[in-house]
Amino acid sequence: MTTRTNTAAPAATAPTAATAATAAGTPLSELGFSAREGAALQSLRRRYVRGELNEISIEHRRLEFARWLVQHGRLTDYLADDPAGARGAGQ
């Protein structure tokens, strides 16, 4: 009877915040991040990879709307009617 031994590589353990590496392979702790900051960055990266951060911020939506207004001629830098004295009121 032949006895088999497990020759598979040991399972990789999840990196801790202090040993987590960047895409370039540099540990975050060597880049000056604290353990707490490293954990927050890891969490952010996981959420991004899963597609949880695809929502558009309200500021971005407002900028898109302003761009649309300009492109369709509904918003310009110029006033349609300049009331008498409005531009020189403070001068």
N, C-alpha and C. Protein backbone atom coordinates (compact mmCIF):
# COMPACT_ATOMS: atom_id res chain seq x y z
N MET A 1 0.84 -1.16 0.00
CA MET A 1 0.00 0.00 0.00
C MET A 1 0.89 1.23 0.00
N THR A 2 0.54 2.18 -0.87
CA THR A 2 1.33 3.39 -1.00
C THR A 2 0.68 4.50 -0.19
N THR A 3 1.50 5.21 0.54
CA THR A 3 1.01 6.30 1.35
C THR A 3 1.24 7.60 0.60
N ARG A 4 0.23 8.38 0.49
CA ARG A 4 0.35 9.67 -0.19
C ARG A 4 0.59 10.77 0.84
N THR A 5 1.45 11.66 0.46
CA THR A 5 1.67 12.82 1.31
C THR A 5 1.11 14.03 0.59
N ASN A 6 0.69 14.99 1.34
CA ASN A 6 0.13 16.21 0.77
C ASN A 6 1.28 17.08 0.28
N THR A 7 1.39 17.23 -1.04
CA THR A 7 2.46 18.04 -1.61
C THR A 7 1.96 19.38 -2.08
N ALA A 8 0.71 19.66 -1.83
CA ALA A 8 0.15 20.95 -2.25
C ALA A 8 0.75 22.07 -1.40
N ALA A 9 0.84 23.21 -2.02
CA ALA A 9 1.37 24.37 -1.30
C ALA A 9 0.40 24.76 -0.19
N PRO A 10 0.92 25.26 0.91
CA PRO A 10 0.02 25.67 1.99
C PRO A 10 -0.88 26.81 1.53
N ALA A 11 -2.07 26.82 2.06
CA ALA A 11 -3.02 27.86 1.69
C ALA A 11 -2.49 29.22 2.12
N ALA A 12 -2.63 30.18 1.25
CA ALA A 12 -2.17 31.53 1.57
C ALA A 12 -3.10 32.15 2.60
N THR A 13 -2.51 32.80 3.54
CA THR A 13 -3.32 33.48 4.55
C THR A 13 -3.62 34.88 4.06
N ALA A 14 -4.71 35.39 4.51
CA ALA A 14 -5.09 36.75 4.11
C ALA A 14 -4.10 37.74 4.70
N PRO A 15 -3.66 38.69 3.89
CA PRO A 15 -2.69 39.65 4.41
C PRO A 15 -3.34 40.57 5.43
N THR A 16 -2.56 40.93 6.42
CA THR A 16 -3.03 41.88 7.40
C THR A 16 -2.83 43.27 6.84
N ALA A 17 -3.40 44.25 7.49
CA ALA A 17 -3.26 45.62 7.00
C ALA A 17 -1.81 46.06 6.96
N ALA A 18 -1.02 45.56 7.89
CA ALA A 18 0.39 45.96 7.94
C ALA A 18 1.21 45.31 6.84
N THR A 19 0.79 44.12 6.37
CA THR A 19 1.57 43.42 5.35
C THR A 19 0.92 43.47 3.98
N ALA A 20 -0.25 44.06 3.86
CA ALA A 20 -0.92 44.14 2.57
C ALA A 20 -0.04 44.89 1.59
N ALA A 21 0.03 44.39 0.39
CA ALA A 21 0.91 45.00 -0.61
C ALA A 21 0.11 45.79 -1.63
N THR A 22 0.75 46.78 -2.19
CA THR A 22 0.16 47.55 -3.27
C THR A 22 0.29 46.74 -4.55
N ALA A 23 -0.25 47.26 -5.64
CA ALA A 23 -0.13 46.58 -6.93
C ALA A 23 1.34 46.44 -7.34
N ALA A 24 2.18 47.34 -6.88
CA ALA A 24 3.61 47.27 -7.20
C ALA A 24 4.33 46.30 -6.28
N GLY A 25 3.66 45.74 -5.28
CA GLY A 25 4.27 44.78 -4.39
C GLY A 25 4.86 45.36 -3.12
N THR A 26 4.72 46.64 -2.91
CA THR A 26 5.27 47.28 -1.72
C THR A 26 4.25 47.20 -0.58
N PRO A 27 4.63 46.70 0.58
CA PRO A 27 3.70 46.67 1.72
C PRO A 27 3.25 48.08 2.10
N LEU A 28 1.99 48.21 2.43
CA LEU A 28 1.45 49.53 2.78
C LEU A 28 2.16 50.13 3.98
N SER A 29 2.57 49.27 4.92
CA SER A 29 3.26 49.79 6.10
C SER A 29 4.59 50.45 5.73
N GLU A 30 5.24 49.96 4.69
CA GLU A 30 6.49 50.57 4.25
C GLU A 30 6.26 51.90 3.54
N LEU A 31 5.04 52.14 3.12
CA LEU A 31 4.70 53.40 2.47
C LEU A 31 4.20 54.44 3.47
N GLY A 32 4.20 54.08 4.74
CA GLY A 32 3.83 55.03 5.78
C GLY A 32 2.39 54.95 6.25
N PHE A 33 1.64 53.95 5.80
CA PHE A 33 0.26 53.81 6.24
C PHE A 33 0.20 53.08 7.57
N SER A 34 -0.70 53.51 8.44
CA SER A 34 -0.89 52.80 9.70
C SER A 34 -1.71 51.54 9.43
N ALA A 35 -1.81 50.67 10.41
CA ALA A 35 -2.60 49.44 10.25
C ALA A 35 -4.06 49.78 9.97
N ARG A 36 -4.56 50.81 10.65
CA ARG A 36 -5.96 51.21 10.45
C ARG A 36 -6.18 51.75 9.03
N GLU A 37 -5.25 52.56 8.55
CA GLU A 37 -5.36 53.10 7.19
C GLU A 37 -5.25 51.99 6.15
N GLY A 38 -4.37 51.03 6.40
CA GLY A 38 -4.23 49.90 5.49
C GLY A 38 -5.50 49.09 5.39
N ALA A 39 -6.14 48.86 6.54
CA ALA A 39 -7.39 48.12 6.56
C ALA A 39 -8.48 48.88 5.81
N ALA A 40 -8.52 50.20 5.98
CA ALA A 40 -9.52 51.00 5.27
C ALA A 40 -9.28 50.96 3.77
N LEU A 41 -8.02 51.01 3.35
CA LEU A 41 -7.71 50.93 1.92
C LEU A 41 -8.07 49.57 1.34
N GLN A 42 -7.80 48.51 2.10
CA GLN A 42 -8.17 47.17 1.64
C GLN A 42 -9.68 47.05 1.46
N SER A 43 -10.42 47.57 2.42
CA SER A 43 -11.87 47.52 2.35
C SER A 43 -12.38 48.30 1.14
N LEU A 44 -11.81 49.48 0.93
CA LEU A 44 -12.19 50.29 -0.21
C LEU A 44 -11.90 49.56 -1.51
N ARG A 45 -10.74 48.93 -1.61
CA ARG A 45 -10.38 48.21 -2.83
C ARG A 45 -11.34 47.04 -3.09
N ARG A 46 -11.68 46.29 -2.03
CA ARG A 46 -12.61 45.17 -2.20
C ARG A 46 -13.96 45.67 -2.70
N ARG A 47 -14.45 46.78 -2.12
CA ARG A 47 -15.73 47.33 -2.55
C ARG A 47 -15.66 47.79 -4.01
N TYR A 48 -14.56 48.38 -4.41
CA TYR A 48 -14.39 48.85 -5.79
C TYR A 48 -14.38 47.68 -6.76
N VAL A 49 -13.64 46.62 -6.42
CA VAL A 49 -13.54 45.45 -7.28
C VAL A 49 -14.90 44.78 -7.45
N ARG A 50 -15.68 44.75 -6.38
CA ARG A 50 -17.02 44.15 -6.45
C ARG A 50 -18.03 45.04 -7.16
N GLY A 51 -17.66 46.26 -7.48
CA GLY A 51 -18.56 47.16 -8.19
C GLY A 51 -19.49 47.94 -7.29
N GLU A 52 -19.20 47.97 -6.00
CA GLU A 52 -20.07 48.67 -5.06
C GLU A 52 -19.86 50.18 -5.09
N LEU A 53 -18.80 50.65 -5.72
CA LEU A 53 -18.51 52.08 -5.71
C LEU A 53 -18.77 52.73 -7.06
N ASN A 54 -19.71 52.19 -7.80
CA ASN A 54 -20.01 52.74 -9.11
C ASN A 54 -21.04 53.86 -9.08
N GLU A 55 -21.58 54.14 -7.89
CA GLU A 55 -22.57 55.20 -7.81
C GLU A 55 -21.91 56.55 -8.07
N ILE A 56 -22.64 57.42 -8.68
CA ILE A 56 -22.12 58.74 -9.02
C ILE A 56 -22.51 59.71 -7.91
N SER A 57 -21.57 60.52 -7.49
CA SER A 57 -21.83 61.47 -6.42
C SER A 57 -22.78 62.56 -6.90
N ILE A 58 -23.44 63.19 -5.95
CA ILE A 58 -24.38 64.27 -6.27
C ILE A 58 -23.66 65.42 -6.96
N GLU A 59 -22.40 65.69 -6.55
CA GLU A 59 -21.64 66.76 -7.18
C GLU A 59 -21.38 66.45 -8.65
N HIS A 60 -21.06 65.19 -8.94
CA HIS A 60 -20.81 64.78 -10.32
C HIS A 60 -22.09 64.90 -11.16
N ARG A 61 -23.21 64.52 -10.59
CA ARG A 61 -24.48 64.64 -11.32
C ARG A 61 -24.81 66.10 -11.61
N ARG A 62 -24.53 66.98 -10.65
CA ARG A 62 -24.78 68.41 -10.87
C ARG A 62 -23.89 68.96 -11.97
N LEU A 63 -22.62 68.53 -11.99
CA LEU A 63 -21.72 68.97 -13.05
C LEU A 63 -22.18 68.47 -14.42
N GLU A 64 -22.65 67.23 -14.49
CA GLU A 64 -23.17 66.70 -15.75
C GLU A 64 -24.39 67.51 -16.22
N PHE A 65 -25.26 67.87 -15.28
CA PHE A 65 -26.43 68.66 -15.64
C PHE A 65 -26.03 70.05 -16.12
N ALA A 66 -25.09 70.68 -15.44
CA ALA A 66 -24.62 71.99 -15.87
C ALA A 66 -23.99 71.91 -17.25
N ARG A 67 -23.23 70.85 -17.52
CA ARG A 67 -22.64 70.66 -18.85
C ARG A 67 -23.73 70.52 -19.90
N TRP A 68 -24.79 69.77 -19.59
CA TRP A 68 -25.89 69.59 -20.52
C TRP A 68 -26.55 70.94 -20.81
N LEU A 69 -26.77 71.74 -19.75
CA LEU A 69 -27.38 73.06 -19.93
C LEU A 69 -26.54 73.93 -20.87
N VAL A 70 -25.23 73.92 -20.69
CA VAL A 70 -24.35 74.72 -21.55
C VAL A 70 -24.38 74.19 -22.98
N GLN A 71 -24.31 72.89 -23.15
CA GLN A 71 -24.30 72.29 -24.49
C GLN A 71 -25.59 72.58 -25.25
N HIS A 72 -26.69 72.73 -24.55
CA HIS A 72 -27.98 72.98 -25.19
C HIS A 72 -28.36 74.45 -25.18
N GLY A 73 -27.42 75.32 -24.84
CA GLY A 73 -27.65 76.75 -24.90
C GLY A 73 -28.58 77.30 -23.84
N ARG A 74 -28.78 76.58 -22.79
CA ARG A 74 -29.70 77.05 -21.74
C ARG A 74 -28.97 77.74 -20.60
N LEU A 75 -27.63 77.69 -20.62
CA LEU A 75 -26.83 78.33 -19.59
C LEU A 75 -25.60 78.91 -20.27
N THR A 76 -25.38 80.21 -20.07
CA THR A 76 -24.22 80.87 -20.65
C THR A 76 -23.58 81.77 -19.61
N ASP A 77 -22.49 82.40 -20.00
CA ASP A 77 -21.80 83.35 -19.14
C ASP A 77 -22.42 84.75 -19.23
N TYR A 78 -23.34 84.94 -20.15
CA TYR A 78 -23.88 86.26 -20.42
C TYR A 78 -25.32 86.38 -19.94
N LEU A 79 -25.66 87.57 -19.50
CA LEU A 79 -27.03 87.85 -19.08
C LEU A 79 -27.86 88.21 -20.30
N ALA A 80 -29.09 87.74 -20.37
CA ALA A 80 -29.96 88.05 -21.49
C ALA A 80 -30.34 89.53 -21.46
N ASP A 81 -30.73 90.00 -20.34
CA ASP A 81 -31.09 91.41 -20.17
C ASP A 81 -30.27 91.97 -19.05
N ASP A 82 -29.64 93.09 -19.30
CA ASP A 82 -28.84 93.73 -18.26
C ASP A 82 -29.65 94.91 -17.73
N PRO A 83 -30.26 94.77 -16.53
CA PRO A 83 -31.04 95.87 -15.99
C PRO A 83 -30.16 97.12 -15.87
N ALA A 84 -30.72 98.24 -16.05
CA ALA A 84 -29.98 99.51 -15.99
C ALA A 84 -29.22 99.63 -14.69
N GLY A 85 -27.93 99.82 -14.80
CA GLY A 85 -27.10 100.04 -13.63
C GLY A 85 -26.70 98.79 -12.88
N ALA A 86 -27.10 97.59 -13.33
CA ALA A 86 -26.78 96.38 -12.59
C ALA A 86 -25.29 96.09 -12.60
N ARG A 87 -24.63 96.32 -13.72
CA ARG A 87 -23.20 96.02 -13.79
C ARG A 87 -22.37 97.09 -13.08
N GLY A 88 -22.82 98.30 -13.10
CA GLY A 88 -22.03 99.36 -12.50
C GLY A 88 -22.57 99.81 -11.16
N ALA A 89 -23.40 98.99 -10.53
CA ALA A 89 -24.05 99.39 -9.28
C ALA A 89 -23.05 99.64 -8.17
N GLY A 90 -21.99 98.87 -8.10
CA GLY A 90 -21.04 99.02 -7.02
C GLY A 90 -19.88 99.94 -7.35
N GLN A 91 -19.91 100.56 -8.50
CA GLN A 91 -18.76 101.37 -8.91
C GLN A 91 -18.99 102.83 -8.70
